[in-house]
Every structure is written in C-alpha cells, then in structure tokens.
Amino acid sequence: MSQDQDPRGVDLARERIGLSREELYLRYFALGGLTEHRTMEAFLDGTGRPLGRVDYDMLIHALNDSFSELGRNHPIPYSTSP
C-alpha cells in the first residue's frame, strides 16, 4: 500500500458524511474515474491493491467535494506521490 493512501481513513470520512460506498463511487466515476467498483470496494476494505495516483486523487476529490457541499473543510489530503 502506498504510504500516502489510507483506505480506512477514506472510508471513515465517507461514513462521517453519510455517503454510501455506491454514492462515493458514482461521484468518483462522474469525475472521470475508471477504476471498477469492486476494485474501489477492495481498496476501502484494505484488502485490495493501492489505487493509481490519479484514481486515488479523483476518489479523494469526490469525497472532499461532498464535504464542501456540507460546508465543511477538505479533511482528506490528496496524494503526495509523484
């Protein structure tokens, strides 16, 4: 797992704002994410491989947009990998 990817932290943040995994995936997909739903599920469960940097950042962008819609800050940092 990439050091800067924290699947449990991402999933906890998703739970904190009341998004289902399906809703998060649809928001990610709408931004252009190409990872399959089952791959994202495995990542969030901590049993899958790390996501590519671009896909991880799109997932985080979808999550952070959801926080912004609720008037909250962006709690999850984007990837720091080159």
PDB file of N, CA and C in Angstrom:
ATOM      1  N   MET A   1       0.858  -1.183   0.000  1.00  0.00           N
ATOM      2  CA  MET A   1       0.000   0.000   0.000  1.00  0.00           C
ATOM      3  C   MET A   1       0.894   1.233   0.000  1.00  0.00           C
ATOM      4  N   SER A   2       0.575   2.156  -0.846  1.00  0.00           N
ATOM      5  CA  SER A   2       1.303   3.411  -0.865  1.00  0.00           C
ATOM      6  C   SER A   2       1.197   4.074   0.503  1.00  0.00           C
ATOM      7  N   GLN A   3       2.295   4.674   0.939  1.00  0.00           N
ATOM      8  CA  GLN A   3       2.310   5.278   2.270  1.00  0.00           C
ATOM      9  C   GLN A   3       1.300   6.405   2.424  1.00  0.00           C
ATOM     10  N   ASP A   4       0.983   7.078   1.339  1.00  0.00           N
ATOM     11  CA  ASP A   4       0.078   8.216   1.459  1.00  0.00           C
ATOM     12  C   ASP A   4      -1.369   7.839   1.183  1.00  0.00           C
ATOM     13  N   GLN A   5      -1.667   6.571   0.985  1.00  0.00           N
ATOM     14  CA  GLN A   5      -3.048   6.128   0.793  1.00  0.00           C
ATOM     15  C   GLN A   5      -3.519   5.411   2.047  1.00  0.00           C
ATOM     16  N   ASP A   6      -4.525   5.969   2.673  1.00  0.00           N
ATOM     17  CA  ASP A   6      -5.083   5.413   3.902  1.00  0.00           C
ATOM     18  C   ASP A   6      -6.529   4.990   3.639  1.00  0.00           C
ATOM     19  N   PRO A   7      -6.738   3.744   3.201  1.00  0.00           N
ATOM     20  CA  PRO A   7      -8.097   3.335   2.857  1.00  0.00           C
ATOM     21  C   PRO A   7      -9.071   3.426   4.020  1.00  0.00           C
ATOM     22  N   ARG A   8      -8.612   3.097   5.219  1.00  0.00           N
ATOM     23  CA  ARG A   8      -9.521   3.157   6.377  1.00  0.00           C
ATOM     24  C   ARG A   8      -9.909   4.603   6.674  1.00  0.00           C
ATOM     25  N   GLY A   9      -8.973   5.523   6.564  1.00  0.00           N
ATOM     26  CA  GLY A   9      -9.276   6.929   6.780  1.00  0.00           C
ATOM     27  C   GLY A   9     -10.261   7.468   5.760  1.00  0.00           C
ATOM     28  N   VAL A  10     -10.107   7.040   4.511  1.00  0.00           N
ATOM     29  CA  VAL A  10     -11.033   7.452   3.449  1.00  0.00           C
ATOM     30  C   VAL A  10     -12.428   6.917   3.753  1.00  0.00           C
ATOM     31  N   ASP A  11     -12.499   5.644   4.144  1.00  0.00           N
ATOM     32  CA  ASP A  11     -13.802   5.040   4.410  1.00  0.00           C
ATOM     33  C   ASP A  11     -14.466   5.660   5.641  1.00  0.00           C
ATOM     34  N   LEU A  12     -13.678   5.973   6.656  1.00  0.00           N
ATOM     35  CA  LEU A  12     -14.239   6.628   7.845  1.00  0.00           C
ATOM     36  C   LEU A  12     -14.787   8.014   7.508  1.00  0.00           C
ATOM     37  N   ALA A  13     -14.059   8.746   6.663  1.00  0.00           N
ATOM     38  CA  ALA A  13     -14.532  10.073   6.249  1.00  0.00           C
ATOM     39  C   ALA A  13     -15.836   9.943   5.462  1.00  0.00           C
ATOM     40  N   ARG A  14     -15.915   8.935   4.603  1.00  0.00           N
ATOM     41  CA  ARG A  14     -17.139   8.687   3.835  1.00  0.00           C
ATOM     42  C   ARG A  14     -18.312   8.423   4.766  1.00  0.00           C
ATOM     43  N   GLU A  15     -18.075   7.587   5.775  1.00  0.00           N
ATOM     44  CA  GLU A  15     -19.122   7.279   6.748  1.00  0.00           C
ATOM     45  C   GLU A  15     -19.544   8.518   7.524  1.00  0.00           C
ATOM     46  N   ARG A  16     -18.568   9.357   7.861  1.00  0.00           N
ATOM     47  CA  ARG A  16     -18.830  10.547   8.672  1.00  0.00           C
ATOM     48  C   ARG A  16     -19.817  11.502   7.995  1.00  0.00           C
ATOM     49  N   ILE A  17     -19.796  11.548   6.675  1.00  0.00           N
ATOM     50  CA  ILE A  17     -20.730  12.452   5.986  1.00  0.00           C
ATOM     51  C   ILE A  17     -21.948  11.723   5.438  1.00  0.00           C
ATOM     52  N   GLY A  18     -22.055  10.438   5.714  1.00  0.00           N
ATOM     53  CA  GLY A  18     -23.259   9.703   5.364  1.00  0.00           C
ATOM     54  C   GLY A  18     -23.383   9.276   3.911  1.00  0.00           C
ATOM     55  N   LEU A  19     -22.260   9.181   3.205  1.00  0.00           N
ATOM     56  CA  LEU A  19     -22.298   8.684   1.833  1.00  0.00           C
ATOM     57  C   LEU A  19     -22.157   7.169   1.847  1.00  0.00           C
ATOM     58  N   SER A  20     -22.941   6.504   1.023  1.00  0.00           N
ATOM     59  CA  SER A  20     -22.723   5.072   0.844  1.00  0.00           C
ATOM     60  C   SER A  20     -21.498   4.906  -0.062  1.00  0.00           C
ATOM     61  N   ARG A  21     -20.956   3.722  -0.065  1.00  0.00           N
ATOM     62  CA  ARG A  21     -19.838   3.466  -0.973  1.00  0.00           C
ATOM     63  C   ARG A  21     -20.281   3.621  -2.423  1.00  0.00           C
ATOM     64  N   GLU A  22     -21.498   3.225  -2.708  1.00  0.00           N
ATOM     65  CA  GLU A  22     -22.028   3.365  -4.069  1.00  0.00           C
ATOM     66  C   GLU A  22     -22.110   4.842  -4.462  1.00  0.00           C
ATOM     67  N   GLU A  23     -22.596   5.685  -3.568  1.00  0.00           N
ATOM     68  CA  GLU A  23     -22.684   7.121  -3.859  1.00  0.00           C
ATOM     69  C   GLU A  23     -21.306   7.717  -4.092  1.00  0.00           C
ATOM     70  N   LEU A  24     -20.339   7.332  -3.258  1.00  0.00           N
ATOM     71  CA  LEU A  24     -18.973   7.827  -3.441  1.00  0.00           C
ATOM     72  C   LEU A  24     -18.430   7.365  -4.780  1.00  0.00           C
ATOM     73  N   TYR A  25     -18.669   6.098  -5.122  1.00  0.00           N
ATOM     74  CA  TYR A  25     -18.184   5.584  -6.399  1.00  0.00           C
ATOM     75  C   TYR A  25     -18.815   6.353  -7.565  1.00  0.00           C
ATOM     76  N   LEU A  26     -20.101   6.616  -7.508  1.00  0.00           N
ATOM     77  CA  LEU A  26     -20.758   7.340  -8.594  1.00  0.00           C
ATOM     78  C   LEU A  26     -20.195   8.753  -8.738  1.00  0.00           C
ATOM     79  N   ARG A  27     -19.898   9.399  -7.633  1.00  0.00           N
ATOM     80  CA  ARG A  27     -19.290  10.738  -7.684  1.00  0.00           C
ATOM     81  C   ARG A  27     -17.885  10.664  -8.288  1.00  0.00           C
ATOM     82  N   TYR A  28     -17.135   9.655  -7.893  1.00  0.00           N
ATOM     83  CA  TYR A  28     -15.793   9.426  -8.440  1.00  0.00           C
ATOM     84  C   TYR A  28     -15.879   9.160  -9.939  1.00  0.00           C
ATOM     85  N   PHE A  29     -16.788   8.292 -10.340  1.00  0.00           N
ATOM     86  CA  PHE A  29     -16.954   7.934 -11.749  1.00  0.00           C
ATOM     87  C   PHE A  29     -17.360   9.157 -12.573  1.00  0.00           C
ATOM     88  N   ALA A  30     -18.211  10.002 -12.018  1.00  0.00           N
ATOM     89  CA  ALA A  30     -18.652  11.211 -12.711  1.00  0.00           C
ATOM     90  C   ALA A  30     -17.496  12.179 -12.970  1.00  0.00           C
ATOM     91  N   LEU A  31     -16.469  12.104 -12.132  1.00  0.00           N
ATOM     92  CA  LEU A  31     -15.286  12.945 -12.327  1.00  0.00           C
ATOM     93  C   LEU A  31     -14.332  12.366 -13.368  1.00  0.00           C
ATOM     94  N   GLY A  32     -14.632  11.159 -13.835  1.00  0.00           N
ATOM     95  CA  GLY A  32     -13.782  10.534 -14.852  1.00  0.00           C
ATOM     96  C   GLY A  32     -12.989   9.344 -14.348  1.00  0.00           C
ATOM     97  N   GLY A  33     -13.247   8.924 -13.112  1.00  0.00           N
ATOM     98  CA  GLY A  33     -12.541   7.769 -12.564  1.00  0.00           C
ATOM     99  C   GLY A  33     -12.857   6.507 -13.344  1.00  0.00           C
ATOM    100  N   LEU A  34     -11.843   5.685 -13.547  1.00  0.00           N
ATOM    101  CA  LEU A  34     -12.005   4.494 -14.371  1.00  0.00           C
ATOM    102  C   LEU A  34     -11.863   3.183 -13.606  1.00  0.00           C
ATOM    103  N   THR A  35     -11.500   3.249 -12.349  1.00  0.00           N
ATOM    104  CA  THR A  35     -11.371   2.034 -11.560  1.00  0.00           C
ATOM    105  C   THR A  35     -12.745   1.397 -11.378  1.00  0.00           C
ATOM    106  N   GLU A  36     -12.801   0.077 -11.470  1.00  0.00           N
ATOM    107  CA  GLU A  36     -14.067  -0.635 -11.287  1.00  0.00           C
ATOM    108  C   GLU A  36     -14.549  -0.521  -9.845  1.00  0.00           C
ATOM    109  N   HIS A  37     -15.853  -0.614  -9.681  1.00  0.00           N
ATOM    110  CA  HIS A  37     -16.457  -0.511  -8.354  1.00  0.00           C
ATOM    111  C   HIS A  37     -15.872  -1.549  -7.390  1.00  0.00           C
ATOM    112  N   ARG A  38     -15.723  -2.785  -7.834  1.00  0.00           N
ATOM    113  CA  ARG A  38     -15.211  -3.835  -6.942  1.00  0.00           C
ATOM    114  C   ARG A  38     -13.764  -3.574  -6.523  1.00  0.00           C
ATOM    115  N   THR A  39     -12.988  -2.934  -7.398  1.00  0.00           N
ATOM    116  CA  THR A  39     -11.608  -2.584  -7.054  1.00  0.00           C
ATOM    117  C   THR A  39     -11.597  -1.508  -5.979  1.00  0.00           C
ATOM    118  N   MET A  40     -12.502  -0.526  -6.108  1.00  0.00           N
ATOM    119  CA  MET A  40     -12.599   0.512  -5.089  1.00  0.00           C
ATOM    120  C   MET A  40     -13.063  -0.080  -3.763  1.00  0.00           C
ATOM    121  N   GLU A  41     -14.019  -1.000  -3.807  1.00  0.00           N
ATOM    122  CA  GLU A  41     -14.506  -1.667  -2.589  1.00  0.00           C
ATOM    123  C   GLU A  41     -13.361  -2.381  -1.877  1.00  0.00           C
ATOM    124  N   ALA A  42     -12.565  -3.116  -2.638  1.00  0.00           N
ATOM    125  CA  ALA A  42     -11.431  -3.848  -2.047  1.00  0.00           C
ATOM    126  C   ALA A  42     -10.432  -2.866  -1.450  1.00  0.00           C
ATOM    127  N   PHE A  43     -10.198  -1.754  -2.126  1.00  0.00           N
ATOM    128  CA  PHE A  43      -9.298  -0.733  -1.588  1.00  0.00           C
ATOM    129  C   PHE A  43      -9.818  -0.205  -0.256  1.00  0.00           C
ATOM    130  N   LEU A  44     -11.101   0.158  -0.215  1.00  0.00           N
ATOM    131  CA  LEU A  44     -11.682   0.703   1.014  1.00  0.00           C
ATOM    132  C   LEU A  44     -11.713  -0.327   2.141  1.00  0.00           C
ATOM    133  N   ASP A  45     -11.832  -1.602   1.782  1.00  0.00           N
ATOM    134  CA  ASP A  45     -11.788  -2.672   2.786  1.00  0.00           C
ATOM    135  C   ASP A  45     -10.374  -2.916   3.297  1.00  0.00           C
ATOM    136  N   GLY A  46      -9.386  -2.391   2.574  1.00  0.00           N
ATOM    137  CA  GLY A  46      -7.993  -2.627   2.949  1.00  0.00           C
ATOM    138  C   GLY A  46      -7.468  -3.958   2.448  1.00  0.00           C
ATOM    139  N   THR A  47      -8.223  -4.619   1.576  1.00  0.00           N
ATOM    140  CA  THR A  47      -7.810  -5.921   1.066  1.00  0.00           C
ATOM    141  C   THR A  47      -7.320  -5.850  -0.370  1.00  0.00           C
ATOM    142  N   GLY A  48      -7.482  -4.703  -1.012  1.00  0.00           N
ATOM    143  CA  GLY A  48      -7.096  -4.562  -2.413  1.00  0.00           C
ATOM    144  C   GLY A  48      -5.773  -3.845  -2.567  1.00  0.00           C
ATOM    145  N   ARG A  49      -5.394  -3.723  -3.799  1.00  0.00           N
ATOM    146  CA  ARG A  49      -4.142  -3.021  -4.112  1.00  0.00           C
ATOM    147  C   ARG A  49      -4.361  -1.514  -4.011  1.00  0.00           C
ATOM    148  N   PRO A  50      -3.274  -0.765  -3.872  1.00  0.00           N
ATOM    149  CA  PRO A  50      -3.416   0.692  -3.877  1.00  0.00           C
ATOM    150  C   PRO A  50      -3.972   1.158  -5.220  1.00  0.00           C
ATOM    151  N   LEU A  51      -4.666   2.257  -5.193  1.00  0.00           N
ATOM    152  CA  LEU A  51      -5.156   2.853  -6.429  1.00  0.00           C
ATOM    153  C   LEU A  51      -4.018   3.625  -7.070  1.00  0.00           C
ATOM    154  N   GLY A  52      -4.097   3.788  -8.382  1.00  0.00           N
ATOM    155  CA  GLY A  52      -3.135   4.665  -9.042  1.00  0.00           C
ATOM    156  C   GLY A  52      -3.304   6.082  -8.494  1.00  0.00           C
ATOM    157  N   ARG A  53      -2.263   6.884  -8.599  1.00  0.00           N
ATOM    158  CA  ARG A  53      -2.296   8.232  -8.024  1.00  0.00           C
ATOM    159  C   ARG A  53      -3.457   9.055  -8.560  1.00  0.00           C
ATOM    160  N   VAL A  54      -3.689   9.009  -9.863  1.00  0.00           N
ATOM    161  CA  VAL A  54      -4.762   9.798 -10.465  1.00  0.00           C
ATOM    162  C   VAL A  54      -6.118   9.320  -9.955  1.00  0.00           C
ATOM    163  N   ASP A  55      -6.328   8.008  -9.925  1.00  0.00           N
ATOM    164  CA  ASP A  55      -7.608   7.488  -9.444  1.00  0.00           C
ATOM    165  C   ASP A  55      -7.801   7.757  -7.957  1.00  0.00           C
ATOM    166  N   TYR A  56      -6.737   7.647  -7.181  1.00  0.00           N
ATOM    167  CA  TYR A  56      -6.843   7.954  -5.758  1.00  0.00           C
ATOM    168  C   TYR A  56      -7.238   9.421  -5.567  1.00  0.00           C
ATOM    169  N   ASP A  57      -6.571  10.299  -6.289  1.00  0.00           N
ATOM    170  CA  ASP A  57      -6.873  11.729  -6.148  1.00  0.00           C
ATOM    171  C   ASP A  57      -8.286  12.066  -6.622  1.00  0.00           C
ATOM    172  N   MET A  58      -8.789  11.365  -7.648  1.00  0.00           N
ATOM    173  CA  MET A  58     -10.176  11.583  -8.079  1.00  0.00           C
ATOM    174  C   MET A  58     -11.152  11.105  -7.005  1.00  0.00           C
ATOM    175  N   LEU A  59     -10.840   9.984  -6.371  1.00  0.00           N
ATOM    176  CA  LEU A  59     -11.686   9.488  -5.288  1.00  0.00           C
ATOM    177  C   LEU A  59     -11.703  10.496  -4.134  1.00  0.00           C
ATOM    178  N   ILE A  60     -10.540  11.004  -3.786  1.00  0.00           N
ATOM    179  CA  ILE A  60     -10.438  11.998  -2.715  1.00  0.00           C
ATOM    180  C   ILE A  60     -11.151  13.288  -3.111  1.00  0.00           C
ATOM    181  N   HIS A  61     -11.028  13.676  -4.371  1.00  0.00           N
ATOM    182  CA  HIS A  61     -11.720  14.881  -4.840  1.00  0.00           C
ATOM    183  C   HIS A  61     -13.236  14.713  -4.699  1.00  0.00           C
ATOM    184  N   ALA A  62     -13.740  13.539  -5.077  1.00  0.00           N
ATOM    185  CA  ALA A  62     -15.179  13.272  -4.939  1.00  0.00           C
ATOM    186  C   ALA A  62     -15.601  13.347  -3.474  1.00  0.00           C
ATOM    187  N   LEU A  63     -14.794  12.810  -2.594  1.00  0.00           N
ATOM    188  CA  LEU A  63     -15.098  12.844  -1.165  1.00  0.00           C
ATOM    189  C   LEU A  63     -15.027  14.270  -0.626  1.00  0.00           C
ATOM    190  N   ASN A  64     -13.965  14.978  -0.961  1.00  0.00           N
ATOM    191  CA  ASN A  64     -13.812  16.349  -0.477  1.00  0.00           C
ATOM    192  C   ASN A  64     -14.891  17.281  -1.028  1.00  0.00           C
ATOM    193  N   ASP A  65     -15.330  17.055  -2.264  1.00  0.00           N
ATOM    194  CA  ASP A  65     -16.455  17.834  -2.804  1.00  0.00           C
ATOM    195  C   ASP A  65     -17.706  17.622  -1.955  1.00  0.00           C
ATOM    196  N   SER A  66     -17.900  16.396  -1.514  1.00  0.00           N
ATOM    197  CA  SER A  66     -19.058  16.091  -0.669  1.00  0.00           C
ATOM    198  C   SER A  66     -18.974  16.842   0.654  1.00  0.00           C
ATOM    199  N   PHE A  67     -17.777  16.924   1.223  1.00  0.00           N
ATOM    200  CA  PHE A  67     -17.595  17.703   2.450  1.00  0.00           C
ATOM    201  C   PHE A  67     -17.891  19.179   2.189  1.00  0.00           C
ATOM    202  N   SER A  68     -17.410  19.696   1.055  1.00  0.00           N
ATOM    203  CA  SER A  68     -17.637  21.106   0.717  1.00  0.00           C
ATOM    204  C   SER A  68     -19.121  21.413   0.568  1.00  0.00           C
ATOM    205  N   GLU A  69     -19.865  20.487  -0.032  1.00  0.00           N
ATOM    206  CA  GLU A  69     -21.302  20.679  -0.193  1.00  0.00           C
ATOM    207  C   GLU A  69     -22.007  20.815   1.148  1.00  0.00           C
ATOM    208  N   LEU A  70     -21.411  20.231   2.182  1.00  0.00           N
ATOM    209  CA  LEU A  70     -21.980  20.319   3.524  1.00  0.00           C
ATOM    210  C   LEU A  70     -21.398  21.491   4.324  1.00  0.00           C
ATOM    211  N   GLY A  71     -20.579  22.317   3.652  1.00  0.00           N
ATOM    212  CA  GLY A  71     -19.984  23.475   4.310  1.00  0.00           C
ATOM    213  C   GLY A  71     -18.823  23.132   5.217  1.00  0.00           C
ATOM    214  N   ARG A  72     -18.183  22.003   4.957  1.00  0.00           N
ATOM    215  CA  ARG A  72     -17.045  21.573   5.772  1.00  0.00           C
ATOM    216  C   ARG A  72     -15.753  21.693   4.973  1.00  0.00           C
ATOM    217  N   ASN A  73     -14.639  21.651   5.701  1.00  0.00           N
ATOM    218  CA  ASN A  73     -13.313  21.680   5.069  1.00  0.00           C
ATOM    219  C   ASN A  73     -13.022  20.360   4.382  1.00  0.00           C
ATOM    220  N   HIS A  74     -11.939  20.323   3.628  1.00  0.00           N
ATOM    221  CA  HIS A  74     -11.483  19.117   2.949  1.00  0.00           C
ATOM    222  C   HIS A  74     -10.595  18.329   3.923  1.00  0.00           C
ATOM    223  N   PRO A  75     -11.109  17.289   4.529  1.00  0.00           N
ATOM    224  CA  PRO A  75     -10.356  16.583   5.562  1.00  0.00           C
ATOM    225  C   PRO A  75      -9.326  15.575   5.046  1.00  0.00           C
ATOM    226  N   ILE A  76      -9.460  15.147   3.806  1.00  0.00           N
ATOM    227  CA  ILE A  76      -8.588  14.095   3.303  1.00  0.00           C
ATOM    228  C   ILE A  76      -7.565  14.706   2.336  1.00  0.00           C
ATOM    229  N   PRO A  77      -6.285  14.516   2.616  1.00  0.00           N
ATOM    230  CA  PRO A  77      -5.262  15.080   1.727  1.00  0.00           C
ATOM    231  C   PRO A  77      -5.159  14.284   0.433  1.00  0.00           C
ATOM    232  N   TYR A  78      -4.766  14.974  -0.611  1.00  0.00           N
ATOM    233  CA  TYR A  78      -4.524  14.342  -1.888  1.00  0.00           C
ATOM    234  C   TYR A  78      -3.189  13.598  -1.842  1.00  0.00           C
ATOM    235  N   SER A  79      -2.939  12.805  -2.849  1.00  0.00           N
ATOM    236  CA  SER A  79      -1.718  12.018  -2.931  1.00  0.00           C
ATOM    237  C   SER A  79      -0.500  12.927  -2.920  1.00  0.00           C
ATOM    238  N   THR A  80       0.563  12.434  -2.318  1.00  0.00           N
ATOM    239  CA  THR A  80       1.817  13.166  -2.337  1.00  0.00           C
ATOM    240  C   THR A  80       2.831  12.471  -3.216  1.00  0.00           C
ATOM    241  N   SER A  81       2.441  11.352  -3.834  1.00  0.00           N
ATOM    242  CA  SER A  81       3.335  10.620  -4.717  1.00  0.00           C
ATOM    243  C   SER A  81       3.501  11.368  -6.030  1.00  0.00           C
ATOM    244  N   PRO A  82       4.699  11.304  -6.597  1.00  0.00           N
ATOM    245  CA  PRO A  82       4.913  11.972  -7.894  1.00  0.00           C
ATOM    246  C   PRO A  82       4.171  11.278  -9.007  1.00  0.00           C
TER     247      PRO A  82
END
